[in-house]
Amino acid sequence: MRKVASLRFLRVACAIVALALSSAPNAQAAPQPAAASVASAEAKATEAVGRIRQLAVEIERETAPREVERRKFNELKTFIDGEAMAQFVLGERLSAASAAQRAAFVSALSDLVVDGLIERLGGAHAEPFELGGARPLDNGDIVVVSHVRFRDGHRGELDWRLHAKGSGQVMVDVLVDGASVAIGARDQAAAELTSNGGSIPSLTASMRNRLRFK
């Protein structure tokens, strides 16, 4: 009887060990959904940058009816989080502005950013354009690295920062050879607001006057 009992004990012990071993891979696989989510975000961010470049080239180089250019311009704007950039540029001033002033400023800032991207990426000088790697930041944003030839002939680096919005990834900043477009816009806005008495409508009008694509 003792021998039979011992055999039963060994069988139970083996079954427990086997169960533990079979569940171990599942525990190790738990982080995979997070890794897959990051990889998906990186792919979407890279795709967004590629589309921005494509639209910039089409707008700058192709001869098309005005309404076609405007449609592509507006599509390019969908890859820019104008509200997030405007909040960074104006801070509390934006929150204190009227709804109409906020909407006008966000629109003007988005147009100005898109206008700059077309000028920098769309011309014949901007060849070759090369997409590099993508990496996540601690806050969930994605950085996409690219290289392009600038008008002065040097091969420059553009580091795009994007974050999730809806089902895609949209741009909140781009570093041009290390210089942040968002910080540049913030500094210029602060200087203009100091000189114009703090008028957001005057700042918005000034931004619109700087647009090439009107």
Protein backbone atom coordinates (compact mmCIF):
# COMPACT_ATOMS: atom_id res chain seq x y z
CA MET A 1 0.00 0.00 0.00
CA ARG A 2 2.85 2.38 0.83
CA LYS A 3 4.38 1.70 -2.61
CA VAL A 4 1.07 2.45 -4.35
CA ALA A 5 0.63 5.63 -2.32
CA SER A 6 4.15 6.75 -3.21
CA LEU A 7 3.48 6.19 -6.90
CA ARG A 8 0.29 8.21 -6.67
CA PHE A 9 2.16 11.03 -4.91
CA LEU A 10 4.81 11.06 -7.63
CA ARG A 11 2.15 11.20 -10.35
CA VAL A 12 0.42 14.15 -8.67
CA ALA A 13 3.74 15.94 -8.17
CA CYS A 14 4.69 15.42 -11.82
CA ALA A 15 1.30 16.73 -12.93
CA ILE A 16 1.76 19.89 -10.83
CA VAL A 17 5.24 20.46 -12.24
CA ALA A 18 4.01 19.94 -15.80
CA LEU A 19 1.17 22.40 -15.24
CA ALA A 20 3.58 24.98 -13.88
CA LEU A 21 5.92 24.57 -16.82
CA SER A 22 3.12 24.80 -19.36
CA SER A 23 1.89 28.10 -17.87
CA ALA A 24 5.36 29.66 -17.68
CA PRO A 25 5.52 30.73 -21.35
CA ASN A 26 2.17 32.49 -20.96
CA ALA A 27 3.61 34.58 -18.13
CA GLN A 28 6.59 35.50 -20.28
CA ALA A 29 4.34 36.36 -23.22
CA ALA A 30 2.27 38.84 -21.22
CA PRO A 31 4.32 41.92 -22.30
CA GLN A 32 3.92 41.06 -26.00
CA PRO A 33 0.70 43.09 -26.51
CA ALA A 34 2.50 46.22 -25.22
CA ALA A 35 5.45 45.57 -27.52
CA ALA A 36 3.09 45.04 -30.43
CA SER A 37 1.30 48.30 -29.60
CA VAL A 38 4.58 50.23 -29.63
CA ALA A 39 5.59 48.64 -32.93
CA SER A 40 2.21 49.58 -34.42
CA ALA A 41 2.56 53.18 -33.21
CA GLU A 42 6.06 53.39 -34.68
CA ALA A 43 4.82 52.06 -38.02
CA LYS A 44 1.93 54.55 -38.09
CA ALA A 45 4.23 57.43 -37.18
CA THR A 46 6.69 56.50 -39.92
CA GLU A 47 3.84 56.18 -42.41
CA ALA A 48 2.54 59.63 -41.39
CA VAL A 49 5.94 61.26 -41.96
CA GLY A 50 6.19 59.56 -45.33
CA ARG A 51 2.77 60.88 -46.33
CA ILE A 52 3.69 64.39 -45.17
CA ARG A 53 6.73 64.29 -47.43
CA GLN A 54 4.70 62.95 -50.37
CA LEU A 55 2.06 65.67 -50.05
CA ALA A 56 4.71 68.38 -49.73
CA VAL A 57 6.32 67.23 -52.97
CA GLU A 58 2.99 67.04 -54.81
CA ILE A 59 1.94 70.52 -53.67
CA GLU A 60 5.30 72.17 -54.42
CA ARG A 61 6.25 70.49 -57.68
CA GLU A 62 3.06 69.62 -59.48
CA THR A 63 0.96 72.03 -61.52
CA ALA A 64 -2.60 71.43 -60.42
CA PRO A 65 -5.83 73.43 -60.11
CA ARG A 66 -6.07 75.55 -56.99
CA GLU A 67 -8.78 73.38 -55.47
CA VAL A 68 -6.58 70.28 -55.83
CA GLU A 69 -3.67 72.02 -54.11
CA ARG A 70 -5.97 73.21 -51.34
CA ARG A 71 -7.33 69.71 -50.82
CA LYS A 72 -3.81 68.31 -50.47
CA PHE A 73 -2.83 71.19 -48.20
CA ASN A 74 -5.80 70.42 -45.95
CA GLU A 75 -4.91 66.72 -45.94
CA LEU A 76 -1.39 67.61 -44.85
CA LYS A 77 -2.90 69.65 -42.01
CA THR A 78 -4.60 66.52 -40.69
CA PHE A 79 -1.14 65.18 -39.81
CA ILE A 80 -0.48 68.22 -37.57
CA ASP A 81 -1.94 68.48 -34.06
CA GLY A 82 -2.50 72.21 -34.30
CA GLU A 83 -4.34 72.41 -30.98
CA ALA A 84 -1.51 70.76 -29.05
CA MET A 85 1.09 72.96 -30.75
CA ALA A 86 -0.96 76.10 -30.13
CA GLN A 87 -1.30 75.24 -26.45
CA PHE A 88 2.46 74.84 -26.22
CA VAL A 89 3.11 78.10 -28.09
CA LEU A 90 0.68 80.34 -26.17
CA GLY A 91 0.15 78.46 -22.91
CA GLU A 92 -2.31 80.22 -20.59
CA ARG A 93 -2.86 83.01 -23.10
CA LEU A 94 -4.64 80.55 -25.38
CA SER A 95 -6.93 79.39 -22.58
CA ALA A 96 -7.80 83.00 -21.75
CA ALA A 97 -8.61 83.89 -25.36
CA SER A 98 -12.12 83.78 -26.80
CA ALA A 99 -13.24 80.69 -28.72
CA ALA A 100 -13.03 82.59 -32.00
CA GLN A 101 -9.51 83.83 -31.23
CA ARG A 102 -8.38 80.31 -30.27
CA ALA A 103 -9.78 78.78 -33.45
CA ALA A 104 -8.21 81.47 -35.63
CA PHE A 105 -4.82 81.09 -33.98
CA VAL A 106 -4.83 77.28 -34.18
CA SER A 107 -5.72 77.47 -37.87
CA ALA A 108 -3.03 80.07 -38.62
CA LEU A 109 -0.37 78.15 -36.72
CA SER A 110 -1.27 74.90 -38.48
CA ASP A 111 -1.15 76.62 -41.86
CA LEU A 112 2.23 78.16 -41.05
CA VAL A 113 3.69 74.82 -39.97
CA VAL A 114 2.38 73.10 -43.11
CA ASP A 115 3.66 75.97 -45.27
CA GLY A 116 7.12 75.52 -43.76
CA LEU A 117 7.06 71.77 -44.33
CA ILE A 118 6.15 72.25 -47.99
CA GLU A 119 8.95 74.76 -48.45
CA ARG A 120 11.50 72.54 -46.71
CA LEU A 121 10.47 69.14 -48.08
CA GLY A 122 8.70 69.81 -51.36
CA GLY A 123 11.28 71.50 -53.56
CA ALA A 124 13.59 69.78 -56.02
CA HIS A 125 16.49 70.54 -53.68
CA ALA A 126 15.03 68.17 -51.05
CA GLU A 127 16.51 65.01 -52.54
CA PRO A 128 17.15 62.45 -51.37
CA PHE A 129 14.66 62.16 -48.54
CA GLU A 130 15.50 59.22 -46.30
CA LEU A 131 13.43 57.81 -43.45
CA GLY A 132 15.43 56.33 -40.60
CA GLY A 133 14.32 54.52 -37.49
CA ALA A 134 11.54 55.23 -35.02
CA ARG A 135 11.65 55.04 -31.25
CA PRO A 136 9.16 55.57 -28.41
CA LEU A 137 9.58 58.21 -25.70
CA ASP A 138 8.66 57.67 -22.05
CA ASN A 139 5.42 59.66 -22.46
CA GLY A 140 4.28 57.47 -25.37
CA ASP A 141 5.23 59.89 -28.16
CA ILE A 142 7.12 58.48 -31.14
CA VAL A 143 10.25 60.03 -32.68
CA VAL A 144 10.89 59.36 -36.36
CA VAL A 145 14.30 60.27 -37.77
CA SER A 146 14.71 61.44 -41.36
CA HIS A 147 17.38 63.09 -43.49
CA VAL A 148 16.98 65.48 -46.40
CA ARG A 149 19.06 67.95 -48.37
CA PHE A 150 18.36 71.57 -47.46
CA ARG A 151 18.42 74.58 -49.79
CA ASP A 152 21.97 75.48 -48.77
CA GLY A 153 23.11 72.05 -49.97
CA HIS A 154 23.88 70.36 -46.66
CA ARG A 155 22.29 67.06 -45.65
CA GLY A 156 20.18 67.86 -42.61
CA GLU A 157 18.31 65.84 -40.05
CA LEU A 158 14.64 66.13 -39.20
CA ASP A 159 13.50 64.47 -35.97
CA TRP A 160 9.71 64.23 -35.96
CA ARG A 161 7.78 63.91 -32.71
CA LEU A 162 4.32 62.44 -33.07
CA HIS A 163 1.62 61.24 -30.72
CA ALA A 164 -1.57 59.26 -30.99
CA LYS A 165 -4.74 61.04 -32.04
CA GLY A 166 -7.75 59.04 -33.08
CA SER A 167 -6.54 55.95 -34.89
CA GLY A 168 -3.36 57.52 -36.24
CA GLN A 169 -0.24 59.46 -35.32
CA VAL A 170 0.06 63.24 -35.73
CA MET A 171 2.98 65.63 -35.50
CA VAL A 172 3.45 67.87 -32.48
CA ASP A 173 6.99 69.04 -33.26
CA VAL A 174 9.90 68.55 -35.61
CA LEU A 175 13.53 69.26 -34.84
CA VAL A 176 15.43 70.71 -37.79
CA ASP A 177 19.10 69.94 -37.19
CA GLY A 178 18.26 69.93 -33.49
CA ALA A 179 16.21 73.17 -33.48
CA SER A 180 12.59 72.71 -32.41
CA VAL A 181 9.94 74.23 -34.68
CA ALA A 182 7.52 74.42 -31.74
CA ILE A 183 9.99 76.25 -29.52
CA GLY A 184 10.85 78.61 -32.37
CA ALA A 185 7.16 79.40 -32.87
CA ARG A 186 6.71 79.94 -29.13
CA ASP A 187 9.66 82.33 -28.91
CA GLN A 188 8.53 84.32 -31.94
CA ALA A 189 4.96 84.52 -30.67
CA ALA A 190 6.20 85.76 -27.27
CA ALA A 191 8.28 88.48 -28.95
CA GLU A 192 5.37 89.63 -31.13
CA LEU A 193 2.92 89.64 -28.24
CA THR A 194 5.34 91.79 -26.25
CA SER A 195 5.56 94.30 -29.09
CA ASN A 196 1.85 94.37 -30.00
CA GLY A 197 0.48 94.75 -26.48
CA GLY A 198 -0.55 91.12 -26.09
CA SER A 199 -3.02 91.04 -28.98
CA ILE A 200 -3.64 87.49 -30.20
CA PRO A 201 -5.66 88.71 -33.24
CA SER A 202 -2.69 90.88 -34.29
CA LEU A 203 -0.34 87.93 -33.84
CA THR A 204 -2.66 85.73 -35.91
CA ALA A 205 -2.80 88.31 -38.70
CA SER A 206 1.00 88.57 -38.68
CA MET A 207 1.31 84.80 -39.00
CA ARG A 208 -1.09 84.76 -41.95
CA ASN A 209 0.96 87.47 -43.66
CA ARG A 210 3.99 85.18 -43.55
CA LEU A 211 2.27 82.36 -45.44
CA ARG A 212 3.46 81.50 -48.94
CA PHE A 213 0.42 79.34 -49.67
CA LYS A 214 -2.63 81.57 -49.18
